[in-house]
Amino acid sequence: MKTKSENTLASRVSSWSIISLVVAGTFLIAGVADLSAASGVMAKLFLFFLAAVIVVQVIPGIMLLGAMLKGIYGMVGKKAKVAVGEEKK
């Protein structure tokens, strides 16, 4: 059983990693756009906002894909363990 300090450390690490992914992805996606030097601050803020929306939608998608793969692997692993157990009986 995990102690309260371990749970908070794990939640802090996951929170900071998600925040860093959002910030890095926002700068990466917003940096792709070619803005002229005459473009205003609002144009840059709008691109950063759009990039943040894209990144915030991608992160749960990646997490869902990981959970799906984990579930599929778990089903295959359980079937293999049950088949081996039945042969020994």
PDB file of N, CA and C in Angstrom:
ATOM      1  N   MET A   1       0.842  -1.180   0.000  1.00  0.00           N
ATOM      2  CA  MET A   1       0.000   0.000   0.000  1.00  0.00           C
ATOM      3  C   MET A   1       0.880   1.233   0.000  1.00  0.00           C
ATOM      4  N   LYS A   2       0.547   2.183  -0.821  1.00  0.00           N
ATOM      5  CA  LYS A   2       1.346   3.400  -0.911  1.00  0.00           C
ATOM      6  C   LYS A   2       0.972   4.360   0.214  1.00  0.00           C
ATOM      7  N   THR A   3       1.985   5.034   0.699  1.00  0.00           N
ATOM      8  CA  THR A   3       1.730   6.033   1.720  1.00  0.00           C
ATOM      9  C   THR A   3       1.229   7.310   1.067  1.00  0.00           C
ATOM     10  N   LYS A   4       0.764   8.221   1.904  1.00  0.00           N
ATOM     11  CA  LYS A   4       0.215   9.470   1.385  1.00  0.00           C
ATOM     12  C   LYS A   4       1.290  10.303   0.694  1.00  0.00           C
ATOM     13  N   SER A   5       2.518  10.282   1.212  1.00  0.00           N
ATOM     14  CA  SER A   5       3.594  11.065   0.602  1.00  0.00           C
ATOM     15  C   SER A   5       3.962  10.524  -0.775  1.00  0.00           C
ATOM     16  N   GLU A   6       3.901   9.202  -0.981  1.00  0.00           N
ATOM     17  CA  GLU A   6       4.192   8.624  -2.294  1.00  0.00           C
ATOM     18  C   GLU A   6       3.103   8.983  -3.294  1.00  0.00           C
ATOM     19  N   ASN A   7       1.845   8.992  -2.854  1.00  0.00           N
ATOM     20  CA  ASN A   7       0.759   9.360  -3.748  1.00  0.00           C
ATOM     21  C   ASN A   7       0.878  10.814  -4.172  1.00  0.00           C
ATOM     22  N   THR A   8       1.220  11.669  -3.258  1.00  0.00           N
ATOM     23  CA  THR A   8       1.333  13.077  -3.619  1.00  0.00           C
ATOM     24  C   THR A   8       2.537  13.308  -4.514  1.00  0.00           C
ATOM     25  N   LEU A   9       3.627  12.578  -4.310  1.00  0.00           N
ATOM     26  CA  LEU A   9       4.796  12.712  -5.171  1.00  0.00           C
ATOM     27  C   LEU A   9       4.466  12.243  -6.585  1.00  0.00           C
ATOM     28  N   ALA A  10       3.765  11.129  -6.693  1.00  0.00           N
ATOM     29  CA  ALA A  10       3.389  10.629  -8.014  1.00  0.00           C
ATOM     30  C   ALA A  10       2.430  11.588  -8.702  1.00  0.00           C
ATOM     31  N   SER A  11       1.509  12.157  -7.961  1.00  0.00           N
ATOM     32  CA  SER A  11       0.575  13.095  -8.582  1.00  0.00           C
ATOM     33  C   SER A  11       1.279  14.379  -8.992  1.00  0.00           C
ATOM     34  N   ARG A  12       2.258  14.813  -8.200  1.00  0.00           N
ATOM     35  CA  ARG A  12       3.024  16.003  -8.577  1.00  0.00           C
ATOM     36  C   ARG A  12       3.828  15.760  -9.845  1.00  0.00           C
ATOM     37  N   VAL A  13       4.462  14.603  -9.923  1.00  0.00           N
ATOM     38  CA  VAL A  13       5.270  14.284 -11.101  1.00  0.00           C
ATOM     39  C   VAL A  13       4.390  14.212 -12.343  1.00  0.00           C
ATOM     40  N   SER A  14       3.243  13.564 -12.236  1.00  0.00           N
ATOM     41  CA  SER A  14       2.357  13.457 -13.399  1.00  0.00           C
ATOM     42  C   SER A  14       1.779  14.820 -13.779  1.00  0.00           C
ATOM     43  N   SER A  15       1.437  15.624 -12.792  1.00  0.00           N
ATOM     44  CA  SER A  15       0.911  16.958 -13.083  1.00  0.00           C
ATOM     45  C   SER A  15       1.948  17.826 -13.785  1.00  0.00           C
ATOM     46  N   TRP A  16       3.167  17.826 -13.273  1.00  0.00           N
ATOM     47  CA  TRP A  16       4.215  18.640 -13.890  1.00  0.00           C
ATOM     48  C   TRP A  16       4.603  18.119 -15.270  1.00  0.00           C
ATOM     49  N   SER A  17       4.544  16.807 -15.469  1.00  0.00           N
ATOM     50  CA  SER A  17       4.869  16.287 -16.802  1.00  0.00           C
ATOM     51  C   SER A  17       3.787  16.665 -17.806  1.00  0.00           C
ATOM     52  N   ILE A  18       2.522  16.651 -17.399  1.00  0.00           N
ATOM     53  CA  ILE A  18       1.444  17.061 -18.298  1.00  0.00           C
ATOM     54  C   ILE A  18       1.545  18.550 -18.605  1.00  0.00           C
ATOM     55  N   ILE A  19       1.847  19.354 -17.590  1.00  0.00           N
ATOM     56  CA  ILE A  19       1.999  20.793 -17.807  1.00  0.00           C
ATOM     57  C   ILE A  19       3.161  21.072 -18.757  1.00  0.00           C
ATOM     58  N   SER A  20       4.268  20.371 -18.567  1.00  0.00           N
ATOM     59  CA  SER A  20       5.417  20.592 -19.452  1.00  0.00           C
ATOM     60  C   SER A  20       5.113  20.151 -20.874  1.00  0.00           C
ATOM     61  N   LEU A  21       4.347  19.068 -21.040  1.00  0.00           N
ATOM     62  CA  LEU A  21       3.949  18.645 -22.384  1.00  0.00           C
ATOM     63  C   LEU A  21       3.060  19.687 -23.056  1.00  0.00           C
ATOM     64  N   VAL A  22       2.141  20.266 -22.307  1.00  0.00           N
ATOM     65  CA  VAL A  22       1.258  21.286 -22.867  1.00  0.00           C
ATOM     66  C   VAL A  22       2.059  22.512 -23.284  1.00  0.00           C
ATOM     67  N   VAL A  23       2.967  22.967 -22.431  1.00  0.00           N
ATOM     68  CA  VAL A  23       3.756  24.157 -22.749  1.00  0.00           C
ATOM     69  C   VAL A  23       4.671  23.888 -23.944  1.00  0.00           C
ATOM     70  N   ALA A  24       5.365  22.758 -23.926  1.00  0.00           N
ATOM     71  CA  ALA A  24       6.276  22.435 -25.026  1.00  0.00           C
ATOM     72  C   ALA A  24       5.516  22.254 -26.341  1.00  0.00           C
ATOM     73  N   GLY A  25       4.400  21.569 -26.287  1.00  0.00           N
ATOM     74  CA  GLY A  25       3.604  21.371 -27.499  1.00  0.00           C
ATOM     75  C   GLY A  25       3.030  22.668 -28.025  1.00  0.00           C
ATOM     76  N   THR A  26       2.628  23.550 -27.117  1.00  0.00           N
ATOM     77  CA  THR A  26       2.095  24.845 -27.534  1.00  0.00           C
ATOM     78  C   THR A  26       3.151  25.645 -28.277  1.00  0.00           C
ATOM     79  N   PHE A  27       4.351  25.708 -27.727  1.00  0.00           N
ATOM     80  CA  PHE A  27       5.416  26.441 -28.394  1.00  0.00           C
ATOM     81  C   PHE A  27       5.817  25.778 -29.706  1.00  0.00           C
ATOM     82  N   LEU A  28       5.794  24.453 -29.745  1.00  0.00           N
ATOM     83  CA  LEU A  28       6.156  23.741 -30.962  1.00  0.00           C
ATOM     84  C   LEU A  28       5.148  23.999 -32.079  1.00  0.00           C
ATOM     85  N   ILE A  29       3.870  23.872 -31.771  1.00  0.00           N
ATOM     86  CA  ILE A  29       2.843  24.058 -32.791  1.00  0.00           C
ATOM     87  C   ILE A  29       2.732  25.524 -33.193  1.00  0.00           C
ATOM     88  N   ALA A  30       2.821  26.431 -32.225  1.00  0.00           N
ATOM     89  CA  ALA A  30       2.734  27.856 -32.540  1.00  0.00           C
ATOM     90  C   ALA A  30       3.965  28.328 -33.312  1.00  0.00           C
ATOM     91  N   GLY A  31       5.087  27.687 -33.113  1.00  0.00           N
ATOM     92  CA  GLY A  31       6.303  28.063 -33.826  1.00  0.00           C
ATOM     93  C   GLY A  31       6.285  27.676 -35.282  1.00  0.00           C
ATOM     94  N   VAL A  32       5.405  26.752 -35.662  1.00  0.00           N
ATOM     95  CA  VAL A  32       5.315  26.321 -37.055  1.00  0.00           C
ATOM     96  C   VAL A  32       4.715  27.428 -37.924  1.00  0.00           C
ATOM     97  N   ALA A  33       3.811  28.208 -37.357  1.00  0.00           N
ATOM     98  CA  ALA A  33       3.153  29.268 -38.120  1.00  0.00           C
ATOM     99  C   ALA A  33       4.158  30.355 -38.475  1.00  0.00           C
ATOM    100  N   ASP A  34       4.074  30.824 -39.706  1.00  0.00           N
ATOM    101  CA  ASP A  34       4.983  31.866 -40.170  1.00  0.00           C
ATOM    102  C   ASP A  34       4.271  33.208 -40.048  1.00  0.00           C
ATOM    103  N   LEU A  35       4.625  33.960 -39.010  1.00  0.00           N
ATOM    104  CA  LEU A  35       4.029  35.270 -38.798  1.00  0.00           C
ATOM    105  C   LEU A  35       4.993  36.341 -39.297  1.00  0.00           C
ATOM    106  N   SER A  36       4.446  37.309 -39.960  1.00  0.00           N
ATOM    107  CA  SER A  36       5.293  38.405 -40.406  1.00  0.00           C
ATOM    108  C   SER A  36       5.640  39.296 -39.220  1.00  0.00           C
ATOM    109  N   ALA A  37       6.634  40.135 -39.409  1.00  0.00           N
ATOM    110  CA  ALA A  37       7.063  41.021 -38.329  1.00  0.00           C
ATOM    111  C   ALA A  37       6.003  42.066 -38.011  1.00  0.00           C
ATOM    112  N   ALA A  38       5.126  42.352 -38.975  1.00  0.00           N
ATOM    113  CA  ALA A  38       4.098  43.364 -38.772  1.00  0.00           C
ATOM    114  C   ALA A  38       2.869  42.819 -38.053  1.00  0.00           C
ATOM    115  N   SER A  39       2.817  41.516 -37.808  1.00  0.00           N
ATOM    116  CA  SER A  39       1.638  40.960 -37.144  1.00  0.00           C
ATOM    117  C   SER A  39       1.616  41.417 -35.686  1.00  0.00           C
ATOM    118  N   GLY A  40       0.426  41.586 -35.190  1.00  0.00           N
ATOM    119  CA  GLY A  40       0.264  42.124 -33.840  1.00  0.00           C
ATOM    120  C   GLY A  40       0.346  41.068 -32.763  1.00  0.00           C
ATOM    121  N   VAL A  41       0.212  41.531 -31.554  1.00  0.00           N
ATOM    122  CA  VAL A  41       0.261  40.657 -30.394  1.00  0.00           C
ATOM    123  C   VAL A  41      -0.951  39.733 -30.380  1.00  0.00           C
ATOM    124  N   MET A  42      -2.089  40.238 -30.806  1.00  0.00           N
ATOM    125  CA  MET A  42      -3.311  39.422 -30.790  1.00  0.00           C
ATOM    126  C   MET A  42      -3.187  38.218 -31.727  1.00  0.00           C
ATOM    127  N   ALA A  43      -2.540  38.396 -32.859  1.00  0.00           N
ATOM    128  CA  ALA A  43      -2.353  37.268 -33.781  1.00  0.00           C
ATOM    129  C   ALA A  43      -1.482  36.198 -33.140  1.00  0.00           C
ATOM    130  N   LYS A  44      -0.441  36.611 -32.458  1.00  0.00           N
ATOM    131  CA  LYS A  44       0.432  35.649 -31.780  1.00  0.00           C
ATOM    132  C   LYS A  44      -0.295  34.953 -30.634  1.00  0.00           C
ATOM    133  N   LEU A  45      -1.062  35.700 -29.855  1.00  0.00           N
ATOM    134  CA  LEU A  45      -1.825  35.093 -28.760  1.00  0.00           C
ATOM    135  C   LEU A  45      -2.869  34.112 -29.280  1.00  0.00           C
ATOM    136  N   PHE A  46      -3.487  34.453 -30.402  1.00  0.00           N
ATOM    137  CA  PHE A  46      -4.473  33.557 -30.997  1.00  0.00           C
ATOM    138  C   PHE A  46      -3.825  32.252 -31.440  1.00  0.00           C
ATOM    139  N   LEU A  47      -2.649  32.332 -32.046  1.00  0.00           N
ATOM    140  CA  LEU A  47      -1.962  31.112 -32.454  1.00  0.00           C
ATOM    141  C   LEU A  47      -1.536  30.282 -31.252  1.00  0.00           C
ATOM    142  N   PHE A  48      -1.075  30.927 -30.191  1.00  0.00           N
ATOM    143  CA  PHE A  48      -0.729  30.187 -28.981  1.00  0.00           C
ATOM    144  C   PHE A  48      -1.963  29.530 -28.378  1.00  0.00           C
ATOM    145  N   PHE A  49      -3.101  30.212 -28.420  1.00  0.00           N
ATOM    146  CA  PHE A  49      -4.336  29.629 -27.897  1.00  0.00           C
ATOM    147  C   PHE A  49      -4.744  28.407 -28.718  1.00  0.00           C
ATOM    148  N   LEU A  50      -4.701  28.517 -30.041  1.00  0.00           N
ATOM    149  CA  LEU A  50      -5.042  27.371 -30.888  1.00  0.00           C
ATOM    150  C   LEU A  50      -4.090  26.204 -30.667  1.00  0.00           C
ATOM    151  N   ALA A  51      -2.801  26.521 -30.518  1.00  0.00           N
ATOM    152  CA  ALA A  51      -1.831  25.454 -30.266  1.00  0.00           C
ATOM    153  C   ALA A  51      -2.100  24.782 -28.932  1.00  0.00           C
ATOM    154  N   ALA A  52      -2.464  25.558 -27.916  1.00  0.00           N
ATOM    155  CA  ALA A  52      -2.768  24.980 -26.606  1.00  0.00           C
ATOM    156  C   ALA A  52      -4.004  24.080 -26.683  1.00  0.00           C
ATOM    157  N   VAL A  53      -4.993  24.479 -27.447  1.00  0.00           N
ATOM    158  CA  VAL A  53      -6.199  23.650 -27.605  1.00  0.00           C
ATOM    159  C   VAL A  53      -5.846  22.326 -28.270  1.00  0.00           C
ATOM    160  N   ILE A  54      -5.020  22.383 -29.302  1.00  0.00           N
ATOM    161  CA  ILE A  54      -4.622  21.147 -29.996  1.00  0.00           C
ATOM    162  C   ILE A  54      -3.861  20.227 -29.057  1.00  0.00           C
ATOM    163  N   VAL A  55      -2.915  20.776 -28.313  1.00  0.00           N
ATOM    164  CA  VAL A  55      -2.114  19.946 -27.407  1.00  0.00           C
ATOM    165  C   VAL A  55      -2.970  19.367 -26.298  1.00  0.00           C
ATOM    166  N   VAL A  56      -3.878  20.165 -25.760  1.00  0.00           N
ATOM    167  CA  VAL A  56      -4.723  19.681 -24.667  1.00  0.00           C
ATOM    168  C   VAL A  56      -5.653  18.568 -25.160  1.00  0.00           C
ATOM    169  N   GLN A  57      -5.976  18.535 -26.428  1.00  0.00           N
ATOM    170  CA  GLN A  57      -6.794  17.448 -26.968  1.00  0.00           C
ATOM    171  C   GLN A  57      -5.964  16.217 -27.291  1.00  0.00           C
ATOM    172  N   VAL A  58      -4.698  16.395 -27.619  1.00  0.00           N
ATOM    173  CA  VAL A  58      -3.844  15.265 -27.992  1.00  0.00           C
ATOM    174  C   VAL A  58      -3.417  14.459 -26.765  1.00  0.00           C
ATOM    175  N   ILE A  59      -3.143  15.118 -25.658  1.00  0.00           N
ATOM    176  CA  ILE A  59      -2.644  14.414 -24.465  1.00  0.00           C
ATOM    177  C   ILE A  59      -3.645  13.371 -23.957  1.00  0.00           C
ATOM    178  N   PRO A  60      -4.941  13.684 -23.793  1.00  0.00           N
ATOM    179  CA  PRO A  60      -5.869  12.616 -23.376  1.00  0.00           C
ATOM    180  C   PRO A  60      -6.003  11.509 -24.421  1.00  0.00           C
ATOM    181  N   GLY A  61      -5.838  11.865 -25.688  1.00  0.00           N
ATOM    182  CA  GLY A  61      -5.879  10.835 -26.731  1.00  0.00           C
ATOM    183  C   GLY A  61      -4.738   9.845 -26.589  1.00  0.00           C
ATOM    184  N   ILE A  62      -3.551  10.353 -26.295  1.00  0.00           N
ATOM    185  CA  ILE A  62      -2.398   9.476 -26.093  1.00  0.00           C
ATOM    186  C   ILE A  62      -2.598   8.620 -24.847  1.00  0.00           C
ATOM    187  N   MET A  63      -3.143   9.227 -23.791  1.00  0.00           N
ATOM    188  CA  MET A  63      -3.401   8.467 -22.572  1.00  0.00           C
ATOM    189  C   MET A  63      -4.442   7.369 -22.818  1.00  0.00           C
ATOM    190  N   LEU A  64      -5.461   7.674 -23.607  1.00  0.00           N
ATOM    191  CA  LEU A  64      -6.482   6.680 -23.938  1.00  0.00           C
ATOM    192  C   LEU A  64      -5.893   5.549 -24.764  1.00  0.00           C
ATOM    193  N   LEU A  65      -5.033   5.883 -25.713  1.00  0.00           N
ATOM    194  CA  LEU A  65      -4.382   4.852 -26.522  1.00  0.00           C
ATOM    195  C   LEU A  65      -3.541   3.935 -25.639  1.00  0.00           C
ATOM    196  N   GLY A  66      -2.814   4.511 -24.697  1.00  0.00           N
ATOM    197  CA  GLY A  66      -2.021   3.698 -23.777  1.00  0.00           C
ATOM    198  C   GLY A  66      -2.887   2.788 -22.923  1.00  0.00           C
ATOM    199  N   ALA A  67      -4.018   3.308 -22.452  1.00  0.00           N
ATOM    200  CA  ALA A  67      -4.930   2.485 -21.642  1.00  0.00           C
ATOM    201  C   ALA A  67      -5.538   1.353 -22.470  1.00  0.00           C
ATOM    202  N   MET A  68      -5.854   1.645 -23.727  1.00  0.00           N
ATOM    203  CA  MET A  68      -6.406   0.606 -24.602  1.00  0.00           C
ATOM    204  C   MET A  68      -5.375  -0.495 -24.848  1.00  0.00           C
ATOM    205  N   LEU A  69      -4.134  -0.098 -25.129  1.00  0.00           N
ATOM    206  CA  LEU A  69      -3.088  -1.100 -25.353  1.00  0.00           C
ATOM    207  C   LEU A  69      -2.829  -1.922 -24.099  1.00  0.00           C
ATOM    208  N   LYS A  70      -2.875  -1.272 -22.934  1.00  0.00           N
ATOM    209  CA  LYS A  70      -2.691  -1.980 -21.670  1.00  0.00           C
ATOM    210  C   LYS A  70      -3.829  -2.980 -21.457  1.00  0.00           C
ATOM    211  N   GLY A  71      -5.058  -2.581 -21.776  1.00  0.00           N
ATOM    212  CA  GLY A  71      -6.198  -3.485 -21.633  1.00  0.00           C
ATOM    213  C   GLY A  71      -6.129  -4.671 -22.571  1.00  0.00           C
ATOM    214  N   ILE A  72      -5.715  -4.417 -23.801  1.00  0.00           N
ATOM    215  CA  ILE A  72      -5.587  -5.514 -24.771  1.00  0.00           C
ATOM    216  C   ILE A  72      -4.494  -6.475 -24.332  1.00  0.00           C
ATOM    217  N   TYR A  73      -3.363  -5.927 -23.883  1.00  0.00           N
ATOM    218  CA  TYR A  73      -2.279  -6.780 -23.407  1.00  0.00           C
ATOM    219  C   TYR A  73      -2.714  -7.579 -22.176  1.00  0.00           C
ATOM    220  N   GLY A  74      -3.498  -6.959 -21.304  1.00  0.00           N
ATOM    221  CA  GLY A  74      -3.986  -7.649 -20.118  1.00  0.00           C
ATOM    222  C   GLY A  74      -4.911  -8.804 -20.461  1.00  0.00           C
ATOM    223  N   MET A  75      -5.751  -8.622 -21.481  1.00  0.00           N
ATOM    224  CA  MET A  75      -6.651  -9.703 -21.892  1.00  0.00           C
ATOM    225  C   MET A  75      -5.869 -10.873 -22.474  1.00  0.00           C
ATOM    226  N   VAL A  76      -4.872 -10.573 -23.276  1.00  0.00           N
ATOM    227  CA  VAL A  76      -4.070 -11.640 -23.881  1.00  0.00           C
ATOM    228  C   VAL A  76      -3.272 -12.367 -22.810  1.00  0.00           C
ATOM    229  N   GLY A  77      -2.714 -11.634 -21.867  1.00  0.00           N
ATOM    230  CA  GLY A  77      -1.943 -12.243 -20.787  1.00  0.00           C
ATOM    231  C   GLY A  77      -2.798 -13.119 -19.886  1.00  0.00           C
ATOM    232  N   LYS A  78      -4.032 -12.712 -19.594  1.00  0.00           N
ATOM    233  CA  LYS A  78      -4.928 -13.504 -18.747  1.00  0.00           C
ATOM    234  C   LYS A  78      -5.335 -14.787 -19.441  1.00  0.00           C
ATOM    235  N   LYS A  79      -5.595 -14.718 -20.748  1.00  0.00           N
ATOM    236  CA  LYS A  79      -5.971 -15.935 -21.472  1.00  0.00           C
ATOM    237  C   LYS A  79      -4.828 -16.939 -21.479  1.00  0.00           C
ATOM    238  N   ALA A  80      -3.618 -16.469 -21.632  1.00  0.00           N
ATOM    239  CA  ALA A  80      -2.476 -17.371 -21.639  1.00  0.00           C
ATOM    240  C   ALA A  80      -2.278 -17.998 -20.262  1.00  0.00           C
ATOM    241  N   LYS A  81      -2.472 -17.250 -19.205  1.00  0.00           N
ATOM    242  CA  LYS A  81      -2.297 -17.786 -17.851  1.00  0.00           C
ATOM    243  C   LYS A  81      -3.380 -18.816 -17.524  1.00  0.00           C
ATOM    244  N   VAL A  82      -4.624 -18.579 -17.959  1.00  0.00           N
ATOM    245  CA  VAL A  82      -5.699 -19.528 -17.694  1.00  0.00           C
ATOM    246  C   VAL A  82      -5.453 -20.827 -18.446  1.00  0.00           C
ATOM    247  N   ALA A  83      -4.973 -20.763 -19.673  1.00  0.00           N
ATOM    248  CA  ALA A  83      -4.730 -21.962 -20.450  1.00  0.00           C
ATOM    249  C   ALA A  83      -3.621 -22.795 -19.807  1.00  0.00           C
ATOM    250  N   VAL A  84      -2.605 -22.185 -19.288  1.00  0.00           N
ATOM    251  CA  VAL A  84      -1.511 -22.940 -18.649  1.00  0.00           C
ATOM    252  C   VAL A  84      -2.009 -23.560 -17.361  1.00  0.00           C
ATOM    253  N   GLY A  85      -2.846 -22.845 -16.602  1.00  0.00           N
ATOM    254  CA  GLY A  85      -3.372 -23.356 -15.333  1.00  0.00           C
ATOM    255  C   GLY A  85      -4.296 -24.549 -15.537  1.00  0.00           C
ATOM    256  N   GLU A  86      -5.067 -24.564 -16.602  1.00  0.00           N
ATOM    257  CA  GLU A  86      -5.986 -25.671 -16.859  1.00  0.00           C
ATOM    258  C   GLU A  86      -5.257 -26.929 -17.251  1.00  0.00           C
ATOM    259  N   GLU A  87      -4.119 -26.796 -17.907  1.00  0.00           N
ATOM    260  CA  GLU A  87      -3.368 -27.974 -18.322  1.00  0.00           C
ATOM    261  C   GLU A  87      -2.779 -28.700 -17.119  1.00  0.00           C
ATOM    262  N   LYS A  88      -2.425 -27.963 -16.066  1.00  0.00           N
ATOM    263  CA  LYS A  88      -1.819 -28.590 -14.900  1.00  0.00           C
ATOM    264  C   LYS A  88      -2.853 -29.354 -14.078  1.00  0.00           C
ATOM    265  N   LYS A  89      -4.127 -28.981 -14.143  1.00  0.00           N
ATOM    266  CA  LYS A  89      -5.162 -29.682 -13.368  1.00  0.00           C
ATOM    267  C   LYS A  89      -5.417 -30.982 -14.009  1.00  0.00           C
TER     268      LYS A  89
END
